[in-house]
C-alpha atoms as a PDB file:
ATOM      1  CA  MET A   1     102.059  96.324  86.123  1.00  0.00           C
ATOM      2  CA  ALA A   2     100.976  98.972  88.625  1.00  0.00           C
ATOM      3  CA  ASP A   3      98.731  96.398  90.306  1.00  0.00           C
ATOM      4  CA  GLU A   4     101.733  94.157  90.920  1.00  0.00           C
ATOM      5  CA  LEU A   5     103.594  97.114  92.399  1.00  0.00           C
ATOM      6  CA  ILE A   6     100.676  97.973  94.663  1.00  0.00           C
ATOM      7  CA  ASP A   7     100.489  94.321  95.770  1.00  0.00           C
ATOM      8  CA  ALA A   8     104.206  94.397  96.587  1.00  0.00           C
ATOM      9  CA  MET A   9     103.758  97.652  98.506  1.00  0.00           C
ATOM     10  CA  ASN A  10     100.942  96.073 100.538  1.00  0.00           C
ATOM     11  CA  LYS A  11     103.161  93.069 101.216  1.00  0.00           C
ATOM     12  CA  LEU A  12     105.972  95.354 102.385  1.00  0.00           C
ATOM     13  CA  HIS A  13     103.585  97.154 104.720  1.00  0.00           C
ATOM     14  CA  GLN A  14     102.464  93.818 106.182  1.00  0.00           C
ATOM     15  CA  GLU A  15     106.057  92.666 106.625  1.00  0.00           C
ATOM     16  CA  LEU A  16     106.884  95.861 108.520  1.00  0.00           C
ATOM     17  CA  VAL A  17     104.040  95.078 110.903  1.00  0.00           C
ATOM     18  CA  GLU A  18     105.328  91.520 111.342  1.00  0.00           C
ATOM     19  CA  HIS A  19     108.972  92.497 112.073  1.00  0.00           C
ATOM     20  CA  PRO A  20     109.047  93.982 115.551  1.00  0.00           C
ATOM     21  CA  ARG A  21     112.842  93.588 115.628  1.00  0.00           C
ATOM     22  CA  LEU A  22     113.246  96.493 113.223  1.00  0.00           C
ATOM     23  CA  ASP A  23     114.066  99.640 115.119  1.00  0.00           C
ATOM     24  CA  ALA A  24     111.701 102.593 114.896  1.00  0.00           C
ATOM     25  CA  SER A  25     114.031 104.711 112.745  1.00  0.00           C
ATOM     26  CA  LYS A  26     114.314 101.989 110.085  1.00  0.00           C
ATOM     27  CA  ILE A  27     110.546 101.512 110.058  1.00  0.00           C
ATOM     28  CA  GLU A  28     110.025 105.261 109.638  1.00  0.00           C
ATOM     29  CA  SER A  29     112.606 105.355 106.831  1.00  0.00           C
ATOM     30  CA  LEU A  30     110.870 102.492 105.041  1.00  0.00           C
ATOM     31  CA  LYS A  31     107.495 104.189 105.479  1.00  0.00           C
ATOM     32  CA  ALA A  32     108.948 107.355 103.926  1.00  0.00           C
ATOM     33  CA  LEU A  33     110.273 105.252 101.050  1.00  0.00           C
ATOM     34  CA  MET A  34     106.828 103.714 100.586  1.00  0.00           C
ATOM     35  CA  ALA A  35     105.270 107.203 100.491  1.00  0.00           C
ATOM     36  CA  ASP A  36     107.786 108.240  97.826  1.00  0.00           C
ATOM     37  CA  ILE A  37     107.001 105.125  95.791  1.00  0.00           C
ATOM     38  CA  GLN A  38     103.293 105.886  96.076  1.00  0.00           C
ATOM     39  CA  GLN A  39     104.001 109.405  94.801  1.00  0.00           C
ATOM     40  CA  VAL A  40     105.763 107.928  91.761  1.00  0.00           C
ATOM     41  CA  ILE A  41     102.819 105.593  91.137  1.00  0.00           C
ATOM     42  CA  ASP A  42     100.451 108.572  91.316  1.00  0.00           C
ATOM     43  CA  GLU A  43     102.654 110.548  88.923  1.00  0.00           C
ATOM     44  CA  GLN A  44     102.738 107.651  86.457  1.00  0.00           C
ATOM     45  CA  SER A  45      98.965 107.379  86.521  1.00  0.00           C
ATOM     46  CA  GLY A  46      98.612 111.116  85.941  1.00  0.00           C
ATOM     47  CA  GLU A  47      97.109 111.835  89.348  1.00  0.00           C
ATOM     48  CA  GLN A  48      99.926 114.210  90.321  1.00  0.00           C
ATOM     49  CA  PRO A  49     102.465 116.219  88.357  1.00  0.00           C
ATOM     50  CA  GLY A  50     105.859 114.546  88.070  1.00  0.00           C
ATOM     51  CA  ALA A  51     108.337 115.903  90.571  1.00  0.00           C
ATOM     52  CA  SER A  52     110.093 112.853  92.014  1.00  0.00           C
ATOM     53  CA  ASP A  53     113.581 111.646  91.184  1.00  0.00           C
ATOM     54  CA  SER A  54     113.233 108.005  90.179  1.00  0.00           C
ATOM     55  CA  ALA A  55     117.023 107.449  90.042  1.00  0.00           C
ATOM     56  CA  THR A  56     117.292 108.425  93.699  1.00  0.00           C
ATOM     57  CA  LEU A  57     114.323 106.233  94.543  1.00  0.00           C
ATOM     58  CA  SER A  58     115.905 103.212  92.858  1.00  0.00           C
ATOM     59  CA  SER A  59     119.154 103.888  94.678  1.00  0.00           C
ATOM     60  CA  ARG A  60     117.383 104.107  98.031  1.00  0.00           C
ATOM     61  CA  ILE A  61     115.611 100.798  97.423  1.00  0.00           C
ATOM     62  CA  GLN A  62     118.908  99.149  96.514  1.00  0.00           C
ATOM     63  CA  ASP A  63     120.516 100.529  99.690  1.00  0.00           C
ATOM     64  CA  TYR A  64     117.755  98.933 101.768  1.00  0.00           C
ATOM     65  CA  VAL A  65     118.109  95.640  99.900  1.00  0.00           C
ATOM     66  CA  GLU A  66     121.820  95.551 100.729  1.00  0.00           C
ATOM     67  CA  GLU A  67     121.247  96.599 104.345  1.00  0.00           C
ATOM     68  CA  PHE A  68     118.528  94.022 105.088  1.00  0.00           C
ATOM     69  CA  GLU A  69     119.815  91.165 102.937  1.00  0.00           C
ATOM     70  CA  ALA A  70     121.262  88.998 105.715  1.00  0.00           C
ATOM     71  CA  SER A  71     118.943  89.876 108.581  1.00  0.00           C
ATOM     72  CA  TYR A  72     115.585  90.146 106.821  1.00  0.00           C
ATOM     73  CA  PRO A  73     115.564  87.994 103.668  1.00  0.00           C
ATOM     74  CA  LYS A  74     111.773  88.149 103.252  1.00  0.00           C
ATOM     75  CA  LEU A  75     111.811  91.940 103.495  1.00  0.00           C
ATOM     76  CA  THR A  76     114.710  92.055 101.051  1.00  0.00           C
ATOM     77  CA  GLN A  77     112.808  89.900  98.580  1.00  0.00           C
ATOM     78  CA  THR A  78     109.815  92.241  98.709  1.00  0.00           C
ATOM     79  CA  LEU A  79     111.993  95.335  98.266  1.00  0.00           C
ATOM     80  CA  SER A  80     113.675  93.677  95.280  1.00  0.00           C
ATOM     81  CA  MET A  81     110.261  92.900  93.789  1.00  0.00           C
ATOM     82  CA  ILE A  82     109.271  96.559  94.187  1.00  0.00           C
ATOM     83  CA  ALA A  83     112.482  97.673  92.494  1.00  0.00           C
ATOM     84  CA  GLU A  84     111.826  95.281  89.600  1.00  0.00           C
ATOM     85  CA  ARG A  85     108.261  96.516  89.131  1.00  0.00           C
ATOM     86  CA  LEU A  86     109.444 100.126  89.142  1.00  0.00           C
ATOM     87  CA  ALA A  87     112.084  99.236  86.551  1.00  0.00           C
ATOM     88  CA  ASP A  88     109.446  97.495  84.438  1.00  0.00           C
ATOM     89  CA  MET A  89     107.464 100.740  84.549  1.00  0.00           C
ATOM     90  CA  GLY A  90     110.514 102.687  83.407  1.00  0.00           C
ATOM     91  CA  ILE A  91     111.055 104.306  86.781  1.00  0.00           C
END
């Protein structure tokens, strides 16, 4: 399960590189989201103590899905996949 999430995170990173039309602030926001997701993955694997708010994380992902849905369908699909994997992990 975590491997699928990591694969989706790598895909998201690649898509950010491939979408030069995204403005810098959106890219930075998505990178911050990816860092927060990585923190949750680390917490789930016991590498770090749990301090993140998974409900807020899920909400942030959903906000991005809604924001990018029309303009960036591939990016939206990857964000949705990440949200599903997090939900599968109980996050």
